[in-house]
Structure formats: structure tokens, C-alpha cells
Amino acid sequence: MVLALLATLGPYTIDAFFPSMRAMASEFGISYFQVQQTLTVYLVPYACMSLLHGSLADAVGRRRVMLAGLLFYALASAGCALAPGFGALLFFRAMQGMVGGAGVIIGRAVVRDCYSGAQAQRVMSAITIMFSVGPALAPVIGGWVHVWLGWRAVFASMALYGLVLALLVLRKLPETLPVAQRTPLQFGALVRNMLGVARHAEFLLLTAASGLCFVAMQIYIGSAPAIILDHWHGSETGFAMLTVPIVSGFALGALASGRLAGHIPPSRQANYGYTLVLATTAAMLALQTLVVNPPVIAQQLLLTCTAVGLQLLFPIITLRILDLFSHARGAATAANTFALLLLAALMMGALAPWLSMSMERLAFTAFVLNSVGWCVWRYARHYQRRLAAAG
């Protein structure tokens, strides 16, 4: 439960203030595109610092890095709540990003420290089911906090959440990396671990295969204000219209993944996930292209099915990446997260404002990204078989 709650911190930090974005733009006298950069300025430091989080966790232990990150996060969130201007808000958002990923990044390594094989897949899926509630509730909670207390109170709630999580880690989460298994705290050793991960061909293929599909969903999440308020004609408290279908799909996919663990080969489960993702994104593109004012319920259903497919393939690829680097799992999950979040930052900060002008643009981009991700997955499987035959 502690690991699941830690994993919700990043989504809550991203999603909770979506209903407040237009009010923030009005208060600071800036454009919607400019306020959208509060996502980019959070995600880029998040991605870059994820490299350090994983390596530090390999060197000094999981628990210490989590605690330090959560306390720093609470301070940064308080800074966002008190920011006197937009520049200050961007500064403190960057500080949030520097530490916001420590929990989820190190949490994956903790799972792999304690479990292996089908059991690790089941635990990862169970955590996903629990933390899926977070992204669904975040914009709903944020919307009501914004309506009652204003947008600054949304960031104050982030500070409070960070402090609660720090207390839970302090009291409930033991250290899972024995001293004997730690990487020496030397800059050269940390860099060598990271370079070893970054140069690994299968790691790069698997990261691209999952990352492109991950980003295909993130462009919908990053476009939430435009989808809800402009295309679906909802209100500032109606963000559940988008988040609940997506997160329900993640939860259902995680449940299915846990049930399938140990019963079918992991690669076959990933293939099922890719098939479902491609079919539903193709259907979404057809719906947006051929139907005038397509029903919202049909769009929601397709997003739910896409999320199910993502959750079938994502744990399989993540566990495979961790298995490639048993001596440096923190570095592996950090490098994987770094790549995914750089892609997400590019899409959500630079392209989402343009893509969100049209549901057809969003659907076309998602289909292309998922198609390329599937092609890379097929090549990664071919590469694995070729290595196995050579070995």
C-alpha cells in the first residue's frame, strides 16, 4: 500500500491542477500555452533527476532517498502555493519535478528486490490497481479544492500529501537493499552503471516499444482541459469524464495481468496488449474522422480499452528491463523513466496544446505512436530470439 501511494504522487502533481490552469493564466496575465509549460518545467527535471534517484538508491539504500525526496517535495509544493508570480511558480514546479519521481522510480526497484517471476508481476499489478485510483481522483479533488479555496490551495494539498507519505515511509517501509548489495557511492561507478544501461541494445528497444505507447495515452491526459471544457463541454469539476475511463482501464488491465501471471508466457500477454491498443486507437481514429460529433460515451469506452491494453504490456516490459540489470535495478528503472518522461514532456508541453485543438489530431497521433511502438516491440522480440540462438 505504501508503494502504491508513493506511485500516485507524480500523477497527482500533474493532474490535480488541471482544473485550475485557466484561472492561473487569468491571474498571471499569460496565455494558455504559457501556463501549459508548468507541465514541461515539471516533467523535464523529473526525467533528468530520475537518473540520479535510481543510482543513489543503488548506493545508499532505497529508504533514505525516498524520505529526502518527499520532504523536499513538500517544501517545493508550499513554494508553488505561495508563488508571487509566474516565474516563481515555474521555479518551484521545477523543484517539484526534481524529486517528484523518487517514490515511483525506487518503488519499482523495491518490488524487484523482494519478488521474482510471476509473483513480481502479480505484485506490480496489485500496486497498479491500488494507485490507479490516484490519477482518477486527482483532477476531481483538485477541481473541488479550486472551486472552494482557489488554485493555490491545490498546491498546498500537494505539500500536505508529501508530508503524509514521508511519515508513512518512515514508519512502515523497511530498507530492502542490503548493504552488501549496494553500489559504491562513487561518481565513476554510478556513471558506469548508467552508461551500461544506456548502451544496452535490448534496453533501448524495450524502452522505445513501451514509451511510444505510454506517450500516446499521455497526450490525451495532457490535453485534458481542452478535451473536457471545449470538446466534451464539461465543467471545472467534471474532469472525471476523462480520467475515470482511462484509470478504470488501467485497473482492469492490471487485474487481468495479475490473473494471467504464470498461466501464459509474458511475451504472449504483451502481444495481446499491443493488439488491443492498436485496435482501439484505430477505432478512435475512424470514429473521429467519419462521425460528426461522435458520442462522448463511445470515446470514453475506447480510451478505457486502450488503457487495458497498455496495462497488459507495460508490466511485462518493465520487469524484463529490470531483469536485464540485476546488479543495477535502480539505474535501469531510472534510465527507463528518464526516456519515458522526456517523450511525455515533449508531447504534453510542446505538442499537446496544438493537438488538443482537434480530437482528430489527437486520435491520429495516438494511432501513429502506437503503431511505431508495436513495430519496435516486434523487432525487440526478434533481437531476443537471435541472442538466445547465438548463446
Protein backbone atom coordinates (compact mmCIF):
# COMPACT_ATOMS: atom_id res chain seq x y z
CA MET A 1 0.00 0.00 0.00
CA VAL A 2 2.84 2.42 0.78
CA LEU A 3 4.45 1.73 -2.61
CA ALA A 4 1.09 2.24 -4.33
CA LEU A 5 0.56 5.58 -2.59
CA LEU A 6 4.08 6.69 -3.48
CA ALA A 7 3.33 5.91 -7.10
CA THR A 8 0.32 8.25 -7.04
CA LEU A 9 2.39 11.30 -6.13
CA GLY A 10 3.56 12.03 -9.65
CA PRO A 11 0.11 11.69 -11.27
CA TYR A 12 -1.43 13.80 -8.50
CA THR A 13 1.17 16.52 -9.05
CA ILE A 14 0.40 16.57 -12.77
CA ASP A 15 -3.38 16.09 -12.78
CA ALA A 16 -4.67 17.87 -9.68
CA PHE A 17 -4.18 21.41 -11.01
CA PHE A 18 -5.64 20.83 -14.50
CA PRO A 19 -8.98 22.45 -13.49
CA SER A 20 -7.04 25.50 -12.26
CA MET A 21 -4.96 26.15 -15.39
CA ARG A 22 -7.24 28.77 -16.93
CA ALA A 23 -7.64 30.59 -13.61
CA MET A 24 -3.84 30.64 -13.25
CA ALA A 25 -3.48 32.05 -16.76
CA SER A 26 -6.01 34.77 -15.90
CA GLU A 27 -4.33 35.72 -12.60
CA PHE A 28 -0.85 35.97 -14.08
CA GLY A 29 -2.00 37.56 -17.35
CA ILE A 30 -0.49 34.89 -19.58
CA SER A 31 -1.71 32.66 -22.40
CA TYR A 32 -2.98 29.11 -22.03
CA PHE A 33 0.08 27.87 -23.95
CA GLN A 34 2.34 29.52 -21.36
CA VAL A 35 0.56 28.01 -18.39
CA GLN A 36 0.79 24.63 -20.15
CA GLN A 37 4.56 24.92 -19.67
CA THR A 38 4.07 24.24 -15.97
CA LEU A 39 3.84 20.64 -17.18
CA THR A 40 7.06 20.82 -19.18
CA VAL A 41 9.01 22.54 -16.43
CA TYR A 42 7.91 19.77 -14.05
CA LEU A 43 8.50 16.80 -16.37
CA VAL A 44 11.96 17.72 -17.69
CA PRO A 45 13.62 17.94 -14.22
CA TYR A 46 11.59 14.88 -13.21
CA ALA A 47 13.12 12.95 -16.10
CA CYS A 48 16.67 14.22 -15.58
CA MET A 49 16.72 13.69 -11.83
CA SER A 50 15.26 10.20 -12.18
CA LEU A 51 18.73 9.17 -13.33
CA LEU A 52 20.16 10.32 -10.01
CA HIS A 53 17.37 8.85 -7.87
CA GLY A 54 17.89 5.34 -9.14
CA SER A 55 21.66 5.45 -8.87
CA LEU A 56 21.56 6.95 -5.37
CA ALA A 57 19.08 4.27 -4.29
CA ASP A 58 21.52 1.62 -5.54
CA ALA A 59 24.29 3.24 -3.49
CA VAL A 60 22.82 4.42 -0.17
CA GLY A 61 19.58 2.42 0.06
CA ARG A 62 16.00 2.85 -1.06
CA ARG A 63 14.50 4.34 2.10
CA ARG A 64 16.85 7.29 2.62
CA VAL A 65 16.41 8.60 -0.91
CA MET A 66 12.62 8.32 -0.67
CA LEU A 67 12.48 10.25 2.61
CA ALA A 68 14.76 13.06 1.40
CA GLY A 69 12.79 13.37 -1.84
CA LEU A 70 9.41 13.56 -0.11
CA LEU A 71 10.49 16.27 2.34
CA PHE A 72 11.98 18.35 -0.48
CA TYR A 73 8.79 17.82 -2.49
CA ALA A 74 6.65 19.17 0.36
CA LEU A 75 8.78 22.33 0.53
CA ALA A 76 8.59 22.84 -3.25
CA SER A 77 4.80 22.39 -3.21
CA ALA A 78 4.49 25.01 -0.48
CA GLY A 79 6.57 27.32 -2.67
CA CYS A 80 4.13 26.81 -5.56
CA ALA A 81 1.21 27.66 -3.30
CA LEU A 82 2.88 30.92 -2.20
CA ALA A 83 4.43 31.91 -5.55
CA PRO A 84 4.09 35.70 -6.08
CA GLY A 85 4.43 35.46 -9.86
CA PHE A 86 4.51 33.08 -12.78
CA GLY A 87 8.32 32.94 -12.82
CA ALA A 88 8.39 31.86 -9.19
CA LEU A 89 5.70 29.26 -9.88
CA LEU A 90 7.81 27.78 -12.69
CA PHE A 91 10.86 27.70 -10.38
CA PHE A 92 9.05 25.77 -7.66
CA ARG A 93 7.40 23.47 -10.22
CA ALA A 94 10.89 22.58 -11.42
CA MET A 95 11.86 21.85 -7.80
CA GLN A 96 8.82 19.57 -7.53
CA GLY A 97 9.93 17.76 -10.66
CA MET A 98 13.43 17.22 -9.29
CA VAL A 99 12.09 14.98 -6.51
CA GLY A 100 8.55 14.03 -7.55
CA GLY A 101 9.62 10.76 -9.15
CA ALA A 102 11.70 9.32 -6.31
CA GLY A 103 8.83 7.25 -4.92
CA VAL A 104 7.65 5.53 -8.09
CA ILE A 105 11.15 5.00 -9.51
CA ILE A 106 12.58 3.49 -6.36
CA GLY A 107 9.32 1.67 -5.63
CA ARG A 108 9.75 -0.44 -8.79
CA ALA A 109 13.21 -1.43 -7.64
CA VAL A 110 11.80 -2.33 -4.20
CA VAL A 111 9.29 -4.71 -5.83
CA ARG A 112 12.08 -6.43 -7.74
CA ASP A 113 14.25 -6.57 -4.60
CA CYS A 114 11.57 -8.60 -2.85
CA TYR A 115 9.87 -10.67 -5.57
CA SER A 116 10.68 -12.50 -8.80
CA GLY A 117 8.92 -14.18 -11.72
CA ALA A 118 5.14 -14.43 -11.74
CA GLN A 119 4.96 -13.19 -8.15
CA ALA A 120 6.70 -9.94 -9.11
CA GLN A 121 4.18 -9.50 -11.94
CA ARG A 122 1.29 -10.06 -9.53
CA VAL A 123 2.65 -7.57 -7.00
CA MET A 124 3.31 -4.97 -9.70
CA SER A 125 -0.24 -5.45 -10.97
CA ALA A 126 -1.72 -5.19 -7.46
CA ILE A 127 0.14 -1.92 -6.89
CA THR A 128 -1.16 -0.63 -10.20
CA ILE A 129 -4.74 -1.44 -9.24
CA MET A 130 -4.37 0.49 -5.99
CA PHE A 131 -2.58 3.53 -7.36
CA SER A 132 -4.96 3.78 -10.34
CA VAL A 133 -7.43 5.50 -8.04
CA GLY A 134 -4.98 8.42 -7.67
CA PRO A 135 -4.99 9.76 -11.23
CA ALA A 136 -8.76 9.37 -11.42
CA LEU A 137 -9.38 11.29 -8.22
CA ALA A 138 -6.62 13.90 -8.62
CA PRO A 139 -8.37 16.30 -11.05
CA VAL A 140 -11.68 15.72 -9.29
CA ILE A 141 -10.18 16.60 -5.90
CA GLY A 142 -8.22 19.44 -7.49
CA GLY A 143 -11.35 20.78 -9.16
CA TRP A 144 -13.31 20.92 -5.91
CA VAL A 145 -10.38 22.38 -3.96
CA HIS A 146 -10.05 25.02 -6.69
CA VAL A 147 -13.76 25.86 -6.57
CA TRP A 148 -13.81 26.09 -2.76
CA LEU A 149 -10.40 27.61 -1.95
CA GLY A 150 -8.68 28.69 -5.16
CA TRP A 151 -5.82 27.28 -7.19
CA ARG A 152 -3.14 27.97 -4.54
CA ALA A 153 -4.88 25.55 -2.18
CA VAL A 154 -4.40 22.78 -4.77
CA PHE A 155 -0.62 23.11 -4.41
CA ALA A 156 -0.98 23.32 -0.63
CA SER A 157 -2.73 19.93 -0.77
CA MET A 158 0.32 18.55 -2.60
CA ALA A 159 2.58 19.73 0.23
CA LEU A 160 0.36 18.03 2.79
CA TYR A 161 0.30 14.81 0.76
CA GLY A 162 4.10 14.80 0.56
CA LEU A 163 4.40 15.09 4.34
CA VAL A 164 1.89 12.27 4.90
CA LEU A 165 3.82 10.00 2.54
CA ALA A 166 7.11 10.83 4.27
CA LEU A 167 5.59 9.78 7.60
CA LEU A 168 4.33 6.51 6.08
CA VAL A 169 7.74 5.68 4.63
CA LEU A 170 9.42 6.48 7.94
CA ARG A 171 7.11 4.23 9.93
CA LYS A 172 6.06 1.46 7.54
CA LEU A 173 8.63 0.87 4.77
CA PRO A 174 11.74 -1.17 5.65
CA GLU A 175 15.02 -0.98 3.76
CA THR A 176 15.07 -3.67 1.04
CA LEU A 177 18.61 -3.33 -0.33
CA PRO A 178 21.23 -4.91 1.97
CA VAL A 179 24.49 -3.03 2.40
CA ALA A 180 26.42 -5.88 0.78
CA GLN A 181 24.47 -5.47 -2.47
CA ARG A 182 24.90 -1.72 -2.82
CA THR A 183 26.90 0.03 -5.50
CA PRO A 184 29.83 2.06 -4.12
CA LEU A 185 28.90 5.72 -3.74
CA GLN A 186 31.41 6.84 -6.31
CA PHE A 187 30.66 9.08 -9.23
CA GLY A 188 32.60 6.86 -11.63
CA ALA A 189 30.75 3.71 -10.55
CA LEU A 190 27.37 5.42 -10.86
CA VAL A 191 28.22 6.74 -14.33
CA ARG A 192 29.47 3.33 -15.47
CA ASN A 193 26.23 1.71 -14.33
CA MET A 194 24.16 4.30 -16.14
CA LEU A 195 26.21 4.10 -19.33
CA GLY A 196 26.00 0.32 -19.24
CA VAL A 197 22.22 0.57 -19.14
CA ALA A 198 22.03 3.28 -21.81
CA ARG A 199 24.24 1.31 -24.24
CA HIS A 200 22.28 -1.92 -23.91
CA ALA A 201 20.52 -2.56 -27.23
CA GLU A 202 17.62 -4.56 -25.81
CA PHE A 203 17.01 -1.92 -23.13
CA LEU A 204 16.76 0.78 -25.81
CA LEU A 205 14.36 -1.28 -27.91
CA LEU A 206 12.10 -2.18 -24.99
CA THR A 207 12.07 1.40 -23.71
CA ALA A 208 11.04 2.70 -27.13
CA ALA A 209 8.41 -0.04 -27.55
CA SER A 210 6.67 0.82 -24.28
CA GLY A 211 7.48 4.53 -24.27
CA LEU A 212 5.77 5.34 -27.54
CA CYS A 213 2.55 3.68 -26.35
CA PHE A 214 2.84 5.42 -22.97
CA VAL A 215 3.13 8.82 -24.66
CA ALA A 216 0.18 8.04 -26.94
CA MET A 217 -2.02 7.96 -23.83
CA GLN A 218 -0.27 10.89 -22.18
CA ILE A 219 -1.25 13.26 -24.99
CA TYR A 220 -4.90 12.74 -24.00
CA ILE A 221 -4.10 13.38 -20.34
CA GLY A 222 -2.05 16.47 -21.21
CA SER A 223 -4.92 17.74 -23.34
CA ALA A 224 -7.50 17.19 -20.58
CA PRO A 225 -8.53 20.85 -20.14
CA ALA A 226 -9.30 21.26 -23.84
CA ILE A 227 -10.99 17.85 -24.13
CA ILE A 228 -13.22 18.37 -21.10
CA LEU A 229 -14.05 22.07 -21.42
CA ASP A 230 -14.04 22.56 -25.21
CA HIS A 231 -14.73 19.27 -26.98
CA TRP A 232 -16.89 17.47 -24.39
CA HIS A 233 -18.38 20.68 -22.92
CA GLY A 234 -17.81 19.70 -19.29
CA SER A 235 -17.04 21.90 -16.28
CA GLU A 236 -14.06 22.51 -13.99
CA THR A 237 -15.37 19.83 -11.63
CA GLY A 238 -16.06 17.36 -14.44
CA PHE A 239 -12.55 16.06 -15.17
CA ALA A 240 -13.63 12.59 -14.08
CA MET A 241 -15.21 12.35 -17.54
CA LEU A 242 -11.72 11.68 -18.91
CA THR A 243 -9.70 10.35 -16.00
CA VAL A 244 -12.16 7.73 -14.72
CA PRO A 245 -12.41 5.86 -18.07
CA ILE A 246 -8.64 5.86 -18.51
CA VAL A 247 -7.81 4.84 -14.96
CA SER A 248 -10.58 2.24 -14.92
CA GLY A 249 -8.88 0.70 -17.95
CA PHE A 250 -5.53 0.68 -16.15
CA ALA A 251 -7.10 -1.02 -13.13
CA LEU A 252 -8.88 -3.64 -15.26
CA GLY A 253 -5.70 -4.29 -17.23
CA ALA A 254 -3.68 -4.64 -14.03
CA LEU A 255 -6.24 -7.09 -12.64
CA ALA A 256 -6.10 -9.13 -15.85
CA SER A 257 -2.29 -9.05 -15.82
CA GLY A 258 -2.22 -10.39 -12.27
CA ARG A 259 -4.62 -13.19 -13.17
CA LEU A 260 -2.62 -14.14 -16.29
CA ALA A 261 0.73 -14.21 -14.45
CA GLY A 262 2.14 -17.72 -14.53
CA HIS A 263 -0.59 -19.02 -16.86
CA ILE A 264 0.63 -17.73 -20.24
CA PRO A 265 4.10 -16.65 -21.44
CA PRO A 266 4.80 -12.98 -20.68
CA SER A 267 5.55 -12.23 -24.33
CA ARG A 268 2.13 -13.55 -25.35
CA GLN A 269 0.44 -11.28 -22.81
CA ALA A 270 2.36 -8.31 -24.20
CA ASN A 271 1.22 -9.27 -27.71
CA TYR A 272 -2.40 -9.27 -26.52
CA GLY A 273 -1.81 -5.79 -25.07
CA TYR A 274 -0.39 -4.41 -28.31
CA THR A 275 -3.23 -5.94 -30.35
CA LEU A 276 -5.85 -4.30 -28.13
CA VAL A 277 -4.05 -0.94 -28.17
CA LEU A 278 -3.77 -0.89 -31.96
CA ALA A 279 -7.38 -1.97 -32.49
CA THR A 280 -8.85 0.64 -30.15
CA THR A 281 -6.72 3.55 -31.38
CA ALA A 282 -7.61 2.65 -34.97
CA ALA A 283 -11.28 2.63 -33.97
CA MET A 284 -10.88 6.01 -32.25
CA LEU A 285 -9.32 7.48 -35.40
CA ALA A 286 -12.17 6.12 -37.53
CA LEU A 287 -14.75 7.49 -35.08
CA GLN A 288 -13.24 10.98 -35.06
CA THR A 289 -12.77 11.04 -38.84
CA LEU A 290 -16.05 9.58 -40.05
CA VAL A 291 -18.60 10.65 -37.42
CA VAL A 292 -19.73 14.23 -36.82
CA ASN A 293 -19.89 14.96 -33.08
CA PRO A 294 -19.14 11.36 -32.01
CA PRO A 295 -20.78 10.30 -28.74
CA VAL A 296 -18.66 11.00 -25.69
CA ILE A 297 -19.52 7.60 -24.24
CA ALA A 298 -18.02 5.87 -27.30
CA GLN A 299 -14.80 7.87 -26.95
CA GLN A 300 -14.63 7.06 -23.24
CA LEU A 301 -15.11 3.34 -23.90
CA LEU A 302 -12.32 3.28 -26.48
CA LEU A 303 -9.94 5.09 -24.11
CA THR A 304 -10.77 2.54 -21.41
CA CYS A 305 -9.96 -0.36 -23.74
CA THR A 306 -6.72 1.30 -24.83
CA ALA A 307 -5.70 1.66 -21.18
CA VAL A 308 -6.43 -2.04 -20.60
CA GLY A 309 -4.09 -2.93 -23.45
CA LEU A 310 -1.37 -0.65 -22.11
CA GLN A 311 -1.52 -2.26 -18.69
CA LEU A 312 -1.23 -5.73 -20.23
CA LEU A 313 2.02 -4.88 -21.98
CA PHE A 314 3.64 -2.36 -19.65
CA PRO A 315 4.44 -4.58 -16.59
CA ILE A 316 5.90 -7.28 -18.85
CA ILE A 317 8.32 -4.87 -20.48
CA THR A 318 9.20 -3.15 -17.19
CA LEU A 319 10.06 -6.44 -15.47
CA ARG A 320 12.09 -7.57 -18.47
CA ILE A 321 14.12 -4.34 -18.30
CA LEU A 322 14.79 -4.87 -14.58
CA ASP A 323 15.83 -8.48 -15.21
CA LEU A 324 18.46 -7.29 -17.69
CA PHE A 325 20.31 -5.46 -14.88
CA SER A 326 20.08 -7.47 -11.66
CA HIS A 327 23.10 -5.58 -10.27
CA ALA A 328 21.72 -2.10 -11.01
CA ARG A 329 17.94 -2.16 -10.94
CA GLY A 330 17.72 1.38 -9.65
CA ALA A 331 19.79 2.65 -12.56
CA ALA A 332 17.71 0.60 -15.02
CA THR A 333 14.34 1.88 -13.82
CA ALA A 334 15.76 5.41 -13.63
CA ALA A 335 17.00 5.32 -17.23
CA ASN A 336 13.69 3.87 -18.40
CA THR A 337 11.72 6.56 -16.57
CA PHE A 338 14.04 9.27 -17.92
CA ALA A 339 13.33 8.26 -21.52
CA LEU A 340 9.57 7.94 -21.00
CA LEU A 341 9.26 11.30 -19.30
CA LEU A 342 11.34 13.17 -21.86
CA LEU A 343 8.93 11.89 -24.50
CA ALA A 344 5.97 12.87 -22.32
CA ALA A 345 7.41 16.34 -21.66
CA LEU A 346 7.84 16.95 -25.38
CA MET A 347 4.32 15.82 -26.17
CA MET A 348 2.48 17.43 -23.24
CA GLY A 349 4.37 20.71 -23.26
CA ALA A 350 5.12 21.37 -26.91
CA LEU A 351 2.60 19.40 -28.97
CA ALA A 352 -0.44 18.84 -26.75
CA PRO A 353 -1.64 22.49 -26.99
CA TRP A 354 -1.70 22.15 -30.79
CA LEU A 355 -3.01 18.57 -30.86
CA SER A 356 -5.78 19.40 -28.39
CA MET A 357 -7.40 21.80 -30.85
CA SER A 358 -8.87 18.75 -32.60
CA MET A 359 -9.87 15.31 -31.36
CA GLU A 360 -9.00 14.00 -34.83
CA ARG A 361 -5.41 15.23 -34.42
CA LEU A 362 -5.15 13.50 -31.06
CA ALA A 363 -6.54 10.24 -32.45
CA PHE A 364 -4.24 10.24 -35.48
CA THR A 365 -1.13 10.96 -33.38
CA ALA A 366 -2.02 8.24 -30.86
CA PHE A 367 -2.51 5.68 -33.64
CA VAL A 368 0.82 6.51 -35.26
CA LEU A 369 2.73 6.36 -31.96
CA ASN A 370 1.18 3.01 -31.03
CA SER A 371 1.87 1.58 -34.47
CA VAL A 372 5.54 2.52 -34.30
CA GLY A 373 5.73 1.15 -30.73
CA TRP A 374 4.33 -2.18 -31.93
CA CYS A 375 6.88 -2.36 -34.76
CA VAL A 376 9.73 -1.73 -32.29
CA TRP A 377 8.33 -4.45 -29.98
CA ARG A 378 8.33 -6.94 -32.85
CA TYR A 379 11.94 -6.10 -33.61
CA ALA A 380 12.87 -6.38 -29.91
CA ARG A 381 11.39 -9.89 -29.82
CA HIS A 382 13.39 -10.81 -32.93
CA TYR A 383 16.52 -9.44 -31.26
CA GLN A 384 15.86 -11.51 -28.11
CA ARG A 385 15.41 -14.71 -30.15
CA ARG A 386 18.58 -14.01 -32.14
CA LEU A 387 20.59 -13.54 -28.92
CA ALA A 388 19.12 -16.73 -27.45
CA ALA A 389 20.07 -18.69 -30.59
CA ALA A 390 23.61 -17.27 -30.56
CA GLY A 391 24.01 -18.03 -26.82
